[in-house]
Amino acid sequence: MLSNNRSYWTALLFLLCLVGSAAHAVTIQSTRSQYEVGGVRYYFTVTSWEGNGDSFCNDMQAATCSLYLVGAQRPGEYQSMVLGTHYWWIKPSTSMTAVRKQMSGFSIPFESSLFVPKEKKISDSFCISFAQGYSYVGSGSIVAPVGPCAPVIKPALQCEIKGNAIINHRDVSDAAIDGNEAGTTLQLTCSGTTSVIASASKESPSGVKLKADGSLIHCWRRPYRGGLIRLGAGTIRLAGWR
């Protein structure tokens, strides 16, 4: 019975140690993002550092280790990375605590951001990660992601229509109403890929006034899709009017 209890407490202690270590492994959390002039900025926080499972800059054969915060196309992918503004030169160590102490300006929690220019293509799996590269005597190595990679939070889509949105037929005589044309051109820009519907709406619940006194009203609505919206030539075809 005593032997069984001893085995139970040993197993429980091992489990608690394992959970405690895992809880303090390197953790990166994406927090938000926003559009800025020329691209998108992704915000994140490094919430924990030391712990089981993660070991950065631990090649003791290397002379130095460069450690970066980067944007990776997907976890572990070193091609087409976006380098952030934070990087450190580290003397290799098997202790994550020793590595952290060499990272000037870094503490937990560590809040930062990564700017991605709009001309830089990123994948749907784009994520925030650390990346490391080693320097040896007379040679170096590829800088590649290491540790966890937190998927970014995509910014909310924004669209804007520019131009004169009023289709003005001006003064039209009774004899020239049928087939009269007027139009306008609008420029639609969106911060991402989307489908947009723009329409020429009625100026009142009854329709568009063709005469100032309201004696002639045309009911008309037409949807448009795409990036360049051409509302027009705004041809009026009277199927029925009053």
Protein backbone atom coordinates (compact mmCIF):
# COMPACT_ATOMS: atom_id res chain seq x y z
CA MET A 1 0.00 0.00 0.00
CA LEU A 2 2.83 2.36 0.92
CA SER A 3 4.61 1.55 -2.35
CA ASN A 4 1.46 2.37 -4.32
CA ASN A 5 1.06 5.74 -2.54
CA ARG A 6 4.69 6.56 -3.15
CA SER A 7 4.28 5.83 -6.88
CA TYR A 8 1.11 7.94 -6.97
CA TRP A 9 2.78 11.00 -5.41
CA THR A 10 5.85 10.60 -7.62
CA ALA A 11 3.69 10.54 -10.76
CA LEU A 12 1.62 13.51 -9.54
CA LEU A 13 4.76 15.56 -8.78
CA PHE A 14 6.15 14.79 -12.25
CA LEU A 15 2.87 15.84 -13.87
CA LEU A 16 2.76 19.12 -11.92
CA CYS A 17 6.35 19.90 -12.89
CA LEU A 18 5.56 19.17 -16.53
CA VAL A 19 2.47 21.39 -16.54
CA GLY A 20 4.32 24.14 -14.70
CA SER A 21 7.15 24.10 -17.23
CA ALA A 22 4.85 24.06 -20.24
CA ALA A 23 2.93 27.01 -18.83
CA HIS A 24 6.13 29.10 -18.97
CA ALA A 25 7.27 28.17 -22.49
CA VAL A 26 7.66 30.95 -25.08
CA THR A 27 4.21 32.30 -25.95
CA ILE A 28 3.30 34.93 -28.56
CA GLN A 29 -0.20 36.38 -28.78
CA SER A 30 -1.48 38.43 -31.72
CA THR A 31 -3.57 41.32 -30.39
CA ARG A 32 -4.79 43.49 -33.29
CA SER A 33 -3.89 45.06 -36.64
CA GLN A 34 -4.57 48.23 -38.56
CA TYR A 35 -4.11 49.76 -41.99
CA GLU A 36 -1.47 52.46 -42.23
CA VAL A 37 -0.05 54.49 -45.08
CA GLY A 38 1.80 52.03 -47.27
CA GLY A 39 0.78 48.79 -45.60
CA VAL A 40 -0.57 46.99 -42.52
CA ARG A 41 0.77 46.96 -38.97
CA TYR A 42 0.30 43.79 -36.89
CA TYR A 43 0.46 44.03 -33.10
CA PHE A 44 1.50 41.22 -30.77
CA THR A 45 2.71 40.46 -27.24
CA VAL A 46 5.31 37.95 -26.04
CA THR A 47 3.67 36.81 -22.81
CA SER A 48 6.13 34.17 -21.53
CA TRP A 49 9.71 33.08 -22.16
CA GLU A 50 11.46 30.45 -20.04
CA GLY A 51 10.11 26.94 -19.95
CA ASN A 52 10.01 23.49 -21.43
CA GLY A 53 10.11 22.87 -25.18
CA ASP A 54 11.73 26.07 -26.51
CA SER A 55 15.47 26.69 -26.72
CA PHE A 56 16.85 29.58 -28.78
CA CYS A 57 20.49 30.29 -29.69
CA ASN A 58 21.71 27.08 -28.03
CA ASP A 59 24.34 25.92 -30.56
CA MET A 60 27.49 26.07 -28.46
CA GLN A 61 29.66 25.51 -31.57
CA ALA A 62 28.60 28.90 -32.98
CA ALA A 63 30.48 32.12 -32.30
CA THR A 64 27.34 34.28 -32.17
CA CYS A 65 23.60 33.97 -32.69
CA SER A 66 21.31 36.60 -34.22
CA LEU A 67 17.75 36.56 -32.86
CA TYR A 68 14.89 38.39 -34.59
CA LEU A 69 11.16 38.94 -34.33
CA VAL A 70 9.73 38.29 -37.77
CA GLY A 71 6.63 37.66 -39.80
CA ALA A 72 6.70 34.20 -41.43
CA GLN A 73 4.52 33.00 -44.29
CA ARG A 74 3.79 29.91 -42.18
CA PRO A 75 5.34 28.23 -39.12
CA GLY A 76 8.95 27.22 -39.83
CA GLU A 77 9.05 28.83 -43.30
CA TYR A 78 12.20 30.96 -43.79
CA GLN A 79 11.47 32.15 -47.33
CA SER A 80 9.79 35.56 -47.81
CA MET A 81 10.03 36.45 -44.12
CA VAL A 82 9.33 40.03 -43.03
CA LEU A 83 12.00 41.19 -40.57
CA GLY A 84 10.85 43.34 -37.69
CA THR A 85 12.74 46.20 -36.07
CA HIS A 86 13.78 44.12 -33.04
CA TYR A 87 16.91 41.95 -33.20
CA TRP A 88 19.66 40.92 -30.79
CA TRP A 89 23.20 39.52 -30.99
CA ILE A 90 23.43 36.63 -28.55
CA LYS A 91 26.31 34.59 -27.17
CA PRO A 92 24.97 31.02 -27.51
CA SER A 93 23.76 29.42 -24.30
CA THR A 94 21.73 26.38 -23.30
CA SER A 95 19.84 28.54 -20.79
CA MET A 96 16.85 30.54 -22.04
CA THR A 97 17.27 32.81 -19.02
CA ALA A 98 20.85 33.58 -20.07
CA VAL A 99 19.64 34.31 -23.61
CA ARG A 100 16.91 36.65 -22.36
CA LYS A 101 19.36 38.60 -20.20
CA GLN A 102 21.33 39.44 -23.34
CA MET A 103 18.26 40.85 -25.10
CA SER A 104 18.47 44.59 -24.46
CA GLY A 105 15.06 46.22 -24.00
CA PHE A 106 13.26 42.89 -23.84
CA SER A 107 11.11 41.92 -20.85
CA ILE A 108 7.95 39.93 -20.23
CA PRO A 109 5.36 40.92 -21.30
CA PHE A 110 6.92 42.38 -24.45
CA GLU A 111 4.53 44.39 -26.62
CA SER A 112 5.53 45.24 -30.17
CA SER A 113 4.34 45.42 -33.78
CA LEU A 114 5.42 44.41 -37.26
CA PHE A 115 4.83 46.56 -40.35
CA VAL A 116 4.19 44.79 -43.65
CA PRO A 117 4.41 46.98 -46.79
CA LYS A 118 1.44 46.65 -49.14
CA GLU A 119 3.67 45.44 -51.98
CA LYS A 120 4.73 42.46 -49.85
CA LYS A 121 2.55 39.43 -50.54
CA ILE A 122 1.66 37.39 -47.47
CA SER A 123 -0.11 34.05 -47.14
CA ASP A 124 -3.28 33.21 -45.23
CA SER A 125 -1.01 31.42 -42.73
CA PHE A 126 1.13 34.51 -42.02
CA CYS A 127 2.26 34.52 -38.37
CA ILE A 128 4.58 36.23 -35.86
CA SER A 129 7.62 34.27 -34.70
CA PHE A 130 11.19 34.47 -33.46
CA ALA A 131 13.91 33.61 -35.97
CA GLN A 132 17.55 32.76 -35.38
CA GLY A 133 20.75 32.52 -37.39
CA TYR A 134 24.23 31.43 -36.32
CA SER A 135 27.67 32.76 -37.18
CA TYR A 136 30.58 30.31 -37.15
CA VAL A 137 34.27 30.89 -37.72
CA GLY A 138 34.45 31.68 -41.44
CA SER A 139 30.77 30.93 -42.19
CA GLY A 140 27.17 31.59 -41.26
CA SER A 141 23.75 29.98 -41.47
CA ILE A 142 20.27 30.70 -42.78
CA VAL A 143 18.00 32.80 -40.56
CA ALA A 144 14.90 30.66 -39.94
CA PRO A 145 11.85 30.78 -37.65
CA VAL A 146 12.14 29.06 -34.29
CA GLY A 147 9.59 28.38 -31.57
CA PRO A 148 5.86 29.20 -31.76
CA CYS A 149 4.35 31.21 -34.61
CA ALA A 150 1.20 33.18 -33.71
CA PRO A 151 -1.31 33.71 -36.58
CA VAL A 152 -1.90 37.42 -37.15
CA ILE A 153 -5.26 39.10 -36.71
CA LYS A 154 -6.33 40.53 -40.05
CA PRO A 155 -7.47 44.17 -40.13
CA ALA A 156 -11.08 45.10 -40.77
CA LEU A 157 -11.85 45.73 -44.44
CA GLN A 158 -12.27 49.36 -45.46
CA CYS A 159 -13.75 50.76 -48.68
CA GLU A 160 -14.01 54.30 -49.95
CA ILE A 161 -15.87 55.85 -52.89
CA LYS A 162 -14.48 59.05 -54.39
CA GLY A 163 -16.03 61.35 -56.96
CA ASN A 164 -19.31 63.17 -57.50
CA ALA A 165 -22.06 60.73 -56.57
CA ILE A 166 -24.89 62.88 -57.95
CA ILE A 167 -26.33 62.08 -61.39
CA ASN A 168 -27.73 65.43 -62.49
CA HIS A 169 -30.04 65.51 -65.53
CA ARG A 170 -30.49 69.27 -65.05
CA ASP A 171 -33.47 70.90 -66.76
CA VAL A 172 -35.17 68.57 -69.26
CA SER A 173 -38.14 69.58 -71.38
CA ASP A 174 -41.20 67.35 -71.52
CA ALA A 175 -40.42 66.48 -75.13
CA ALA A 176 -36.82 65.40 -74.34
CA ILE A 177 -37.46 63.31 -71.23
CA ASP A 178 -37.65 59.87 -72.86
CA GLY A 179 -34.08 58.67 -73.49
CA ASN A 180 -32.40 61.59 -71.76
CA GLU A 181 -28.95 60.64 -70.47
CA ALA A 182 -26.72 61.83 -67.61
CA GLY A 183 -23.94 60.09 -65.76
CA THR A 184 -21.03 60.26 -63.35
CA THR A 185 -17.90 58.21 -62.67
CA LEU A 186 -16.87 57.09 -59.20
CA GLN A 187 -13.62 55.48 -58.06
CA LEU A 188 -13.96 52.66 -55.53
CA THR A 189 -10.92 51.58 -53.52
CA CYS A 190 -10.87 48.82 -50.90
CA SER A 191 -8.12 47.73 -48.54
CA GLY A 192 -8.61 44.08 -49.47
CA THR A 193 -10.36 41.74 -51.89
CA THR A 194 -14.13 41.97 -51.67
CA SER A 195 -17.36 42.27 -53.65
CA VAL A 196 -19.14 45.62 -53.54
CA ILE A 197 -22.54 46.71 -54.81
CA ALA A 198 -23.16 50.38 -55.53
CA SER A 199 -26.51 51.66 -56.70
CA ALA A 200 -28.17 54.82 -57.91
CA SER A 201 -30.76 55.40 -55.22
CA LYS A 202 -33.97 57.37 -55.16
CA GLU A 203 -33.90 60.83 -53.64
CA SER A 204 -37.26 60.12 -52.00
CA PRO A 205 -39.44 57.05 -51.24
CA SER A 206 -41.47 57.86 -54.37
CA GLY A 207 -38.52 58.02 -56.77
CA VAL A 208 -36.38 60.62 -58.53
CA LYS A 209 -38.05 63.92 -59.30
CA LEU A 210 -37.82 64.81 -62.97
CA LYS A 211 -39.60 68.10 -62.36
CA ALA A 212 -38.96 70.42 -59.48
CA ASP A 213 -42.65 70.55 -58.57
CA GLY A 214 -42.77 66.73 -58.27
CA SER A 215 -45.33 66.37 -61.07
CA LEU A 216 -43.07 63.85 -62.87
CA ILE A 217 -41.25 61.10 -60.93
CA HIS A 218 -39.11 58.24 -62.26
CA CYS A 219 -38.59 55.10 -60.17
CA TRP A 220 -35.13 53.66 -60.99
CA ARG A 221 -32.48 51.60 -59.26
CA ARG A 222 -29.57 49.72 -60.83
CA PRO A 223 -26.80 47.76 -59.03
CA TYR A 224 -23.13 47.88 -60.06
CA ARG A 225 -20.18 45.63 -59.13
CA GLY A 226 -16.45 46.10 -59.43
CA GLY A 227 -13.65 48.53 -58.66
CA LEU A 228 -14.52 51.29 -61.15
CA ILE A 229 -18.17 52.27 -60.91
CA ARG A 230 -19.72 54.08 -63.84
CA LEU A 231 -23.18 55.21 -62.88
CA GLY A 232 -24.57 56.03 -66.22
CA ALA A 233 -24.95 57.07 -68.75
CA GLY A 234 -27.99 57.15 -66.47
CA THR A 235 -30.39 56.67 -69.34
CA ILE A 236 -34.02 57.23 -68.40
CA ARG A 237 -36.38 54.86 -70.14
CA LEU A 238 -39.90 55.61 -69.04
CA ALA A 239 -41.91 52.44 -68.77
CA GLY A 240 -44.51 54.31 -66.82
CA TRP A 241 -44.58 57.67 -65.11
CA ARG A 242 -46.93 59.95 -63.29
